[in-house]
Amino acid sequence: MASVRLEGITRRFNRVTAIDDITFTVPDGRFWVLVGPSGCGKSTILRTIAGLEQATSGDLFIGDRCVTEVPARQRDVAMVFQNYALYPHMSVADNLAFGLKMRGTAPEAIAPRIEAVARSLDIAHLLDRKPKQLSGGQQQRVALGRAIAREPQVFLLDEPLSNLDAQLRDDTRAELKQLHQRLGITTIYVTHDQVEAMTLADQIVVLNQGQIQQIGSPQSIYNRPQNRMVATFVGNPPMNVLPVTYNGTGFRVGQQVIPCPPLLRAKFSPSPDQRFDLGIRPEQISLAPSEMEGHLMVEVMVVEPLGRETLIRAKLAGSNPALYLTWQASPLVQPQPGDRLLIQFNLEAIFLFDEASGKTVYPLPEEES
């Protein structure tokens, strides 16, 4: 096992910069997740670590060894691809053993290692089958097993669960976490699914347009996003963002006003007529008990009953152009499209983002916990 350190890694394809000045260190034995929208550069980073892409500039270290110029086969990493990349003409046992044979492992050492890996992944009964005889989840376990059997210093996983159905994805995600806890191998995992990122990661690296937006624990990323992109990408349903103007006492949105909490005014002191993007997460919105100052009137557009909660999508009354909100309500709340409701924000949970740059201006960075 070993740490992985990237120092100023940049990868360009002709005139296109896929990743730009990427710097971070994954400590030995930790599970880090790279997350971001499609095209943000996360798979390029993984392939560069694996040696399948050559960095245009920067240095890459595995442990204390600089591997920037080292061929992929000599980096002692194992990669699991999105499509599993199993050999269709080989049995499960032969697929598991292939990497060991290529590395010249003694034949008498291969069989016990394959049996141990197969037992740990609950695929021992499948060793004689071919990949086409396996379900998607079983193929995924074989691909993982082939990587584990090599006992590499680093695991690299490129969206390995994306081809699985929802239930199997949940089950396999839990198995992956247990597997890492048991083996303790340094793991870097790529996904566009922020639920996977939140549930699996020790630390999350949020990427956008080839650049790092934020690195932190799942909870710190969720509670203290450093910019609007991170705030709206992490969280399901995503954070609501509304363009507002400070009027000296509150934030005007459309024809309505959201009160400015005293703590925000004291710590940030916005200027009159200053414009922001105001963020509020769906779970921080609730129905207002009565019509009072500071409540917002909305028109219900879509109601989505989800069993334990109801997801309500609504338009802010009087807004032009139209502004929309989503919030999570009790399952007992079942309004109809077209209904008008009064809602209230938890004013202690609002965020303010700079209108131009998207950088978080409240809560202030020094308030991070």
Protein backbone atom coordinates (compact mmCIF):
# COMPACT_ATOMS: atom_id res chain seq x y z
CA MET A 1 0.00 0.00 0.00
CA ALA A 2 1.12 3.57 -0.63
CA SER A 3 0.03 7.18 -0.78
CA VAL A 4 -0.69 8.87 -4.11
CA ARG A 5 0.53 12.43 -4.67
CA LEU A 6 -0.24 14.64 -7.65
CA GLU A 7 1.77 17.84 -8.04
CA GLY A 8 0.55 20.29 -10.67
CA ILE A 9 -0.71 17.60 -13.05
CA THR A 10 -2.01 19.03 -16.33
CA ARG A 11 -3.22 17.04 -19.33
CA ARG A 12 -3.88 18.68 -22.69
CA PHE A 13 -5.30 17.14 -25.84
CA ASN A 14 -4.22 19.44 -28.68
CA ARG A 15 -5.71 22.79 -27.62
CA VAL A 16 -8.13 21.33 -25.06
CA THR A 17 -7.05 21.25 -21.41
CA ALA A 18 -8.71 18.23 -19.80
CA ILE A 19 -7.22 18.74 -16.33
CA ASP A 20 -5.42 21.85 -15.15
CA ASP A 21 -2.82 22.04 -12.36
CA ILE A 22 -4.27 19.23 -10.23
CA THR A 23 -2.59 18.91 -6.84
CA PHE A 24 -3.65 16.66 -3.96
CA THR A 25 -2.35 13.78 -1.84
CA VAL A 26 -4.30 10.63 -1.00
CA PRO A 27 -2.79 9.22 2.24
CA ASP A 28 -1.89 5.56 2.52
CA GLY A 29 -4.95 3.36 3.07
CA ARG A 30 -7.59 6.04 2.53
CA PHE A 31 -10.65 5.99 0.24
CA TRP A 32 -10.93 9.17 -1.86
CA VAL A 33 -13.66 9.88 -4.40
CA LEU A 34 -13.36 12.15 -7.44
CA VAL A 35 -16.78 13.53 -8.32
CA GLY A 36 -18.14 16.02 -10.79
CA PRO A 37 -20.30 16.40 -13.90
CA SER A 38 -19.50 14.59 -17.14
CA GLY A 39 -16.44 16.04 -18.85
CA CYS A 40 -14.96 17.54 -15.67
CA GLY A 41 -11.71 15.53 -15.96
CA LYS A 42 -12.15 12.95 -13.22
CA SER A 43 -11.54 9.89 -15.45
CA THR A 44 -8.55 11.63 -17.05
CA ILE A 45 -7.01 12.03 -13.59
CA LEU A 46 -7.58 8.35 -12.86
CA ARG A 47 -6.11 7.26 -16.19
CA THR A 48 -3.12 9.51 -15.63
CA ILE A 49 -2.48 7.91 -12.23
CA ALA A 50 -2.79 4.47 -13.87
CA GLY A 51 -0.34 5.43 -16.60
CA LEU A 52 -2.89 5.09 -19.40
CA GLU A 53 -2.55 8.83 -20.07
CA GLN A 54 0.71 10.77 -20.02
CA ALA A 55 0.64 14.05 -18.09
CA THR A 56 1.52 17.10 -20.17
CA SER A 57 3.17 18.63 -17.11
CA GLY A 58 3.49 18.00 -13.38
CA ASP A 59 4.71 15.08 -11.28
CA LEU A 60 3.01 11.98 -9.93
CA PHE A 61 4.21 9.97 -6.94
CA ILE A 62 3.09 6.58 -5.64
CA GLY A 63 4.60 6.24 -2.21
CA ASP A 64 8.00 7.94 -2.37
CA ARG A 65 8.59 6.96 -6.00
CA CYS A 66 8.06 9.41 -8.86
CA VAL A 67 6.17 7.47 -11.53
CA THR A 68 5.51 10.30 -13.99
CA GLU A 69 7.57 8.55 -16.68
CA VAL A 70 7.06 4.97 -15.43
CA PRO A 71 5.00 2.67 -17.74
CA ALA A 72 1.58 1.57 -16.50
CA ARG A 73 2.64 -2.06 -15.99
CA GLN A 74 5.35 -0.99 -13.54
CA ARG A 75 3.24 1.28 -11.32
CA ASP A 76 1.73 -1.50 -9.19
CA VAL A 77 -1.82 -0.18 -9.44
CA ALA A 78 -5.00 -2.09 -10.32
CA MET A 79 -7.83 -0.44 -12.22
CA VAL A 80 -11.46 -1.52 -12.44
CA PHE A 81 -13.20 -0.08 -15.50
CA GLN A 82 -16.82 0.92 -16.01
CA ASN A 83 -17.38 -1.95 -18.50
CA TYR A 84 -15.47 -4.50 -16.32
CA ALA A 85 -13.18 -5.56 -19.26
CA LEU A 86 -13.40 -9.29 -18.52
CA TYR A 87 -12.01 -11.80 -21.01
CA PRO A 88 -15.12 -13.50 -22.45
CA HIS A 89 -13.33 -16.74 -23.46
CA MET A 90 -11.87 -17.29 -19.98
CA SER A 91 -13.55 -18.73 -16.90
CA VAL A 92 -13.98 -16.64 -13.78
CA ALA A 93 -11.00 -18.40 -12.22
CA ASP A 94 -8.81 -17.63 -15.24
CA ASN A 95 -9.93 -14.01 -15.26
CA LEU A 96 -9.01 -13.71 -11.59
CA ALA A 97 -5.63 -15.35 -12.17
CA PHE A 98 -4.70 -13.48 -15.36
CA GLY A 99 -2.94 -10.56 -13.73
CA LEU A 100 -0.97 -12.84 -11.43
CA LYS A 101 0.19 -14.99 -14.35
CA MET A 102 1.27 -11.92 -16.31
CA ARG A 103 3.35 -10.78 -13.33
CA GLY A 104 5.09 -14.15 -13.14
CA THR A 105 3.56 -15.29 -9.86
CA ALA A 106 4.45 -18.89 -9.04
CA PRO A 107 1.60 -21.25 -10.08
CA GLU A 108 1.43 -22.85 -6.63
CA ALA A 109 0.76 -19.41 -5.11
CA ILE A 110 -2.02 -18.46 -7.54
CA ALA A 111 -4.69 -21.04 -6.64
CA PRO A 112 -4.93 -20.29 -2.89
CA ARG A 113 -4.99 -16.56 -3.53
CA ILE A 114 -7.80 -16.92 -6.10
CA GLU A 115 -9.80 -19.10 -3.71
CA ALA A 116 -9.41 -16.58 -0.88
CA VAL A 117 -10.46 -13.67 -3.08
CA ALA A 118 -13.43 -15.60 -4.48
CA ARG A 119 -14.65 -16.46 -0.97
CA SER A 120 -14.34 -12.85 0.20
CA LEU A 121 -16.47 -11.65 -2.75
CA ASP A 122 -18.94 -14.56 -2.58
CA ILE A 123 -18.11 -15.77 -6.10
CA ALA A 124 -16.41 -19.07 -5.19
CA HIS A 125 -19.33 -20.98 -6.72
CA LEU A 126 -18.86 -19.16 -10.03
CA LEU A 127 -15.19 -20.01 -10.74
CA ASP A 128 -15.97 -22.37 -13.62
CA ARG A 129 -18.41 -20.04 -15.40
CA LYS A 130 -17.71 -17.67 -18.30
CA PRO A 131 -18.53 -13.94 -18.00
CA LYS A 132 -21.57 -14.25 -20.31
CA GLN A 133 -23.11 -16.64 -17.75
CA LEU A 134 -22.92 -14.02 -14.98
CA SER A 135 -25.21 -11.20 -13.95
CA GLY A 136 -23.97 -7.62 -14.04
CA GLY A 137 -23.31 -7.64 -10.31
CA GLN A 138 -21.37 -10.90 -10.51
CA GLN A 139 -19.25 -9.56 -13.38
CA GLN A 140 -18.52 -6.48 -11.30
CA ARG A 141 -17.32 -8.66 -8.43
CA VAL A 142 -15.07 -10.64 -10.76
CA ALA A 143 -13.52 -7.40 -12.04
CA LEU A 144 -12.94 -6.29 -8.45
CA GLY A 145 -11.56 -9.71 -7.55
CA ARG A 146 -9.06 -9.60 -10.40
CA ALA A 147 -7.76 -6.31 -9.04
CA ILE A 148 -7.69 -7.54 -5.42
CA ALA A 149 -5.86 -10.76 -6.32
CA ARG A 150 -2.88 -8.75 -7.52
CA GLU A 151 -2.55 -7.12 -4.09
CA PRO A 152 -1.60 -3.77 -5.63
CA GLN A 153 -0.47 -0.67 -3.80
CA VAL A 154 -3.41 1.35 -5.16
CA PHE A 155 -6.94 0.59 -6.37
CA LEU A 156 -8.37 2.81 -9.13
CA LEU A 157 -12.11 2.43 -9.80
CA ASP A 158 -13.73 4.23 -12.73
CA GLU A 159 -17.53 4.35 -12.19
CA PRO A 160 -17.66 0.58 -11.50
CA LEU A 161 -21.32 0.60 -10.39
CA SER A 162 -22.88 2.63 -13.19
CA ASN A 163 -24.07 -0.43 -15.14
CA LEU A 164 -25.92 -1.98 -12.20
CA ASP A 165 -29.60 -1.59 -11.33
CA ALA A 166 -30.52 0.58 -8.33
CA GLN A 167 -30.85 -2.17 -5.71
CA LEU A 168 -27.71 -3.99 -6.79
CA ARG A 169 -25.82 -0.70 -6.86
CA ASP A 170 -26.81 -0.02 -3.25
CA ASP A 171 -25.81 -3.53 -2.16
CA THR A 172 -22.49 -3.45 -4.01
CA ARG A 173 -21.68 0.01 -2.66
CA ALA A 174 -21.97 -1.36 0.87
CA GLU A 175 -19.81 -4.34 -0.07
CA LEU A 176 -17.15 -2.01 -1.49
CA LYS A 177 -17.00 -0.05 1.73
CA GLN A 178 -16.70 -3.21 3.83
CA LEU A 179 -14.02 -4.52 1.47
CA HIS A 180 -11.95 -1.37 1.86
CA GLN A 181 -12.31 -1.48 5.64
CA ARG A 182 -11.04 -5.05 5.59
CA LEU A 183 -8.16 -4.65 3.11
CA GLY A 184 -7.12 -1.06 3.81
CA ILE A 185 -5.74 -0.53 0.29
CA THR A 186 -5.40 3.06 -0.93
CA THR A 187 -8.41 3.60 -3.20
CA ILE A 188 -9.32 6.35 -5.67
CA TYR A 189 -12.87 6.10 -6.98
CA VAL A 190 -14.43 8.08 -9.81
CA THR A 191 -18.17 8.73 -10.06
CA HIS A 192 -20.65 11.35 -11.22
CA ASP A 193 -23.12 10.09 -8.59
CA GLN A 194 -22.84 12.32 -5.53
CA VAL A 195 -24.72 9.75 -3.40
CA GLU A 196 -21.90 7.26 -4.04
CA ALA A 197 -19.37 9.96 -3.23
CA MET A 198 -21.04 10.90 0.06
CA THR A 199 -21.48 7.32 1.27
CA LEU A 200 -18.11 5.86 0.25
CA ALA A 201 -15.52 8.59 0.66
CA ASP A 202 -13.14 9.51 3.45
CA GLN A 203 -12.50 12.65 1.40
CA ILE A 204 -14.20 14.01 -1.72
CA VAL A 205 -12.51 15.93 -4.54
CA VAL A 206 -15.13 17.98 -6.42
CA LEU A 207 -14.08 18.80 -9.98
CA ASN A 208 -15.50 21.04 -12.68
CA GLN A 209 -14.04 21.93 -16.08
CA GLY A 210 -10.75 20.24 -15.28
CA GLN A 211 -10.13 22.11 -12.02
CA ILE A 212 -10.52 21.26 -8.35
CA GLN A 213 -13.41 23.13 -6.76
CA GLN A 214 -13.12 21.76 -3.22
CA ILE A 215 -11.54 18.93 -1.23
CA GLY A 216 -13.03 17.83 2.08
CA SER A 217 -14.95 15.25 4.06
CA PRO A 218 -18.47 14.46 2.80
CA GLN A 219 -20.05 16.39 5.65
CA SER A 220 -17.84 19.47 5.25
CA ILE A 221 -18.48 19.53 1.51
CA TYR A 222 -22.22 19.39 2.16
CA ASN A 223 -22.33 21.86 5.05
CA ARG A 224 -19.68 24.32 3.86
CA PRO A 225 -19.49 24.37 0.05
CA GLN A 226 -16.87 26.83 -1.15
CA ASN A 227 -18.83 27.93 -4.20
CA ARG A 228 -22.17 27.72 -5.96
CA MET A 229 -21.10 24.82 -8.21
CA VAL A 230 -20.21 22.60 -5.23
CA ALA A 231 -23.35 23.65 -3.35
CA THR A 232 -25.70 22.74 -6.18
CA PHE A 233 -23.86 19.56 -7.25
CA VAL A 234 -23.63 17.92 -3.82
CA GLY A 235 -27.05 17.17 -2.36
CA ASN A 236 -30.15 15.40 -3.60
CA PRO A 237 -32.43 17.17 -4.33
CA PRO A 238 -29.95 19.94 -5.15
CA MET A 239 -29.75 23.23 -3.30
CA ASN A 240 -32.17 25.92 -4.44
CA VAL A 241 -30.46 29.08 -5.71
CA LEU A 242 -32.33 32.35 -6.13
CA PRO A 243 -31.04 35.73 -7.42
CA VAL A 244 -31.65 38.30 -4.67
CA THR A 245 -30.92 41.97 -3.92
CA TYR A 246 -30.23 43.19 -0.38
CA ASN A 247 -32.53 46.11 0.49
CA GLY A 248 -31.07 47.01 3.89
CA THR A 249 -33.26 44.70 5.96
CA GLY A 250 -33.76 41.63 3.80
CA PHE A 251 -33.22 40.02 0.43
CA ARG A 252 -35.68 40.90 -2.30
CA VAL A 253 -36.49 38.01 -4.62
CA GLY A 254 -39.03 38.76 -7.33
CA GLN A 255 -41.71 40.83 -5.57
CA GLN A 256 -41.17 39.23 -2.16
CA VAL A 257 -38.61 39.63 0.62
CA ILE A 258 -36.63 37.08 2.63
CA PRO A 259 -35.64 38.50 6.04
CA CYS A 260 -31.93 38.89 6.73
CA PRO A 261 -31.05 36.98 9.93
CA PRO A 262 -29.25 39.12 12.57
CA LEU A 263 -26.24 36.78 12.64
CA LEU A 264 -25.69 37.20 8.90
CA ARG A 265 -25.97 40.98 9.11
CA ALA A 266 -23.55 41.07 12.02
CA LYS A 267 -20.91 38.80 10.47
CA PHE A 268 -21.13 39.74 6.80
CA SER A 269 -22.71 43.22 6.61
CA PRO A 270 -24.02 43.26 3.03
CA SER A 271 -24.40 46.65 1.35
CA PRO A 272 -27.79 48.05 0.24
CA ASP A 273 -28.63 47.11 -3.37
CA GLN A 274 -25.88 44.46 -3.37
CA ARG A 275 -26.84 41.46 -5.49
CA PHE A 276 -26.24 37.82 -4.53
CA ASP A 277 -27.33 34.31 -5.31
CA LEU A 278 -29.08 32.98 -2.20
CA GLY A 279 -28.95 29.23 -1.56
CA ILE A 280 -31.23 27.11 0.61
CA ARG A 281 -31.38 23.32 0.77
CA PRO A 282 -34.77 21.62 0.25
CA GLU A 283 -34.83 20.20 3.78
CA GLN A 284 -34.50 23.74 5.20
CA ILE A 285 -37.82 24.87 3.70
CA SER A 286 -41.16 24.23 5.40
CA LEU A 287 -44.79 25.27 5.22
CA ALA A 288 -45.48 28.48 7.10
CA PRO A 289 -48.02 28.22 9.94
CA SER A 290 -49.68 31.54 9.06
CA GLU A 291 -49.27 34.60 6.88
CA MET A 292 -46.56 36.65 8.56
CA GLU A 293 -43.78 38.95 7.41
CA GLY A 294 -40.94 37.04 5.78
CA HIS A 295 -42.99 34.16 4.43
CA LEU A 296 -43.02 33.47 0.70
CA MET A 297 -46.00 32.70 -1.49
CA VAL A 298 -45.47 29.93 -4.04
CA GLU A 299 -47.61 28.17 -6.64
CA VAL A 300 -47.32 24.39 -6.68
CA MET A 301 -46.19 22.97 -10.04
CA VAL A 302 -45.36 19.29 -9.38
CA VAL A 303 -45.96 16.98 -6.40
CA GLU A 304 -43.83 13.82 -6.11
CA PRO A 305 -44.88 11.44 -3.27
CA LEU A 306 -41.83 9.39 -2.23
CA GLY A 307 -43.29 7.45 0.69
CA ARG A 308 -41.34 8.84 3.63
CA GLU A 309 -41.57 12.39 2.24
CA THR A 310 -43.21 14.45 -0.48
CA LEU A 311 -41.09 16.41 -2.92
CA ILE A 312 -42.79 19.64 -3.97
CA ARG A 313 -41.68 21.78 -6.90
CA ALA A 314 -43.18 25.25 -7.00
CA LYS A 315 -42.90 28.65 -8.68
CA LEU A 316 -42.30 31.77 -6.61
CA ALA A 317 -45.46 33.87 -6.92
CA GLY A 318 -45.00 37.11 -8.82
CA SER A 319 -41.55 36.26 -10.16
CA ASN A 320 -40.74 37.34 -13.72
CA PRO A 321 -38.83 35.58 -15.16
CA ALA A 322 -40.16 32.60 -13.23
CA LEU A 323 -38.14 31.38 -10.22
CA TYR A 324 -38.58 27.82 -8.99
CA LEU A 325 -38.07 26.07 -5.65
CA THR A 326 -37.99 22.46 -4.51
CA TRP A 327 -38.55 21.34 -0.94
CA GLN A 328 -39.15 18.20 1.07
CA ALA A 329 -42.43 18.08 2.97
CA SER A 330 -44.11 15.58 5.27
CA PRO A 331 -45.86 12.70 3.47
CA LEU A 332 -49.07 14.02 5.03
CA VAL A 333 -48.71 17.15 2.89
CA GLN A 334 -50.32 16.45 -0.49
CA PRO A 335 -51.11 19.74 -2.26
CA GLN A 336 -52.38 19.82 -5.82
CA PRO A 337 -50.74 21.53 -8.80
CA GLY A 338 -51.97 25.10 -8.93
CA ASP A 339 -52.39 25.40 -5.14
CA ARG A 340 -50.88 28.49 -3.51
CA LEU A 341 -48.90 27.87 -0.32
CA LEU A 342 -46.95 29.94 2.18
CA ILE A 343 -43.46 28.66 2.91
CA GLN A 344 -40.65 29.74 5.21
CA PHE A 345 -36.86 29.32 5.13
CA ASN A 346 -34.69 28.27 8.04
CA LEU A 347 -32.84 31.58 8.03
CA GLU A 348 -29.89 30.11 9.92
CA ALA A 349 -29.23 27.74 7.01
CA ILE A 350 -29.06 30.13 4.06
CA PHE A 351 -25.99 30.62 1.89
CA LEU A 352 -24.92 33.65 -0.11
CA PHE A 353 -22.81 33.35 -3.26
CA ASP A 354 -21.09 36.10 -5.19
CA GLU A 355 -23.26 36.76 -8.22
CA ALA A 356 -20.34 36.90 -10.68
CA SER A 357 -17.75 34.41 -9.39
CA GLY A 358 -20.08 32.00 -7.55
CA LYS A 359 -17.77 31.99 -4.53
CA THR A 360 -19.44 31.49 -1.15
CA VAL A 361 -19.48 34.77 0.78
CA TYR A 362 -21.64 33.55 3.67
CA PRO A 363 -21.06 31.55 5.82
CA LEU A 364 -17.55 32.94 5.92
CA PRO A 365 -14.60 30.55 5.44
CA GLU A 366 -13.40 30.94 9.03
CA GLU A 367 -16.76 29.57 10.21
CA GLU A 368 -16.00 26.14 8.71
CA SER A 369 -15.99 23.33 11.23
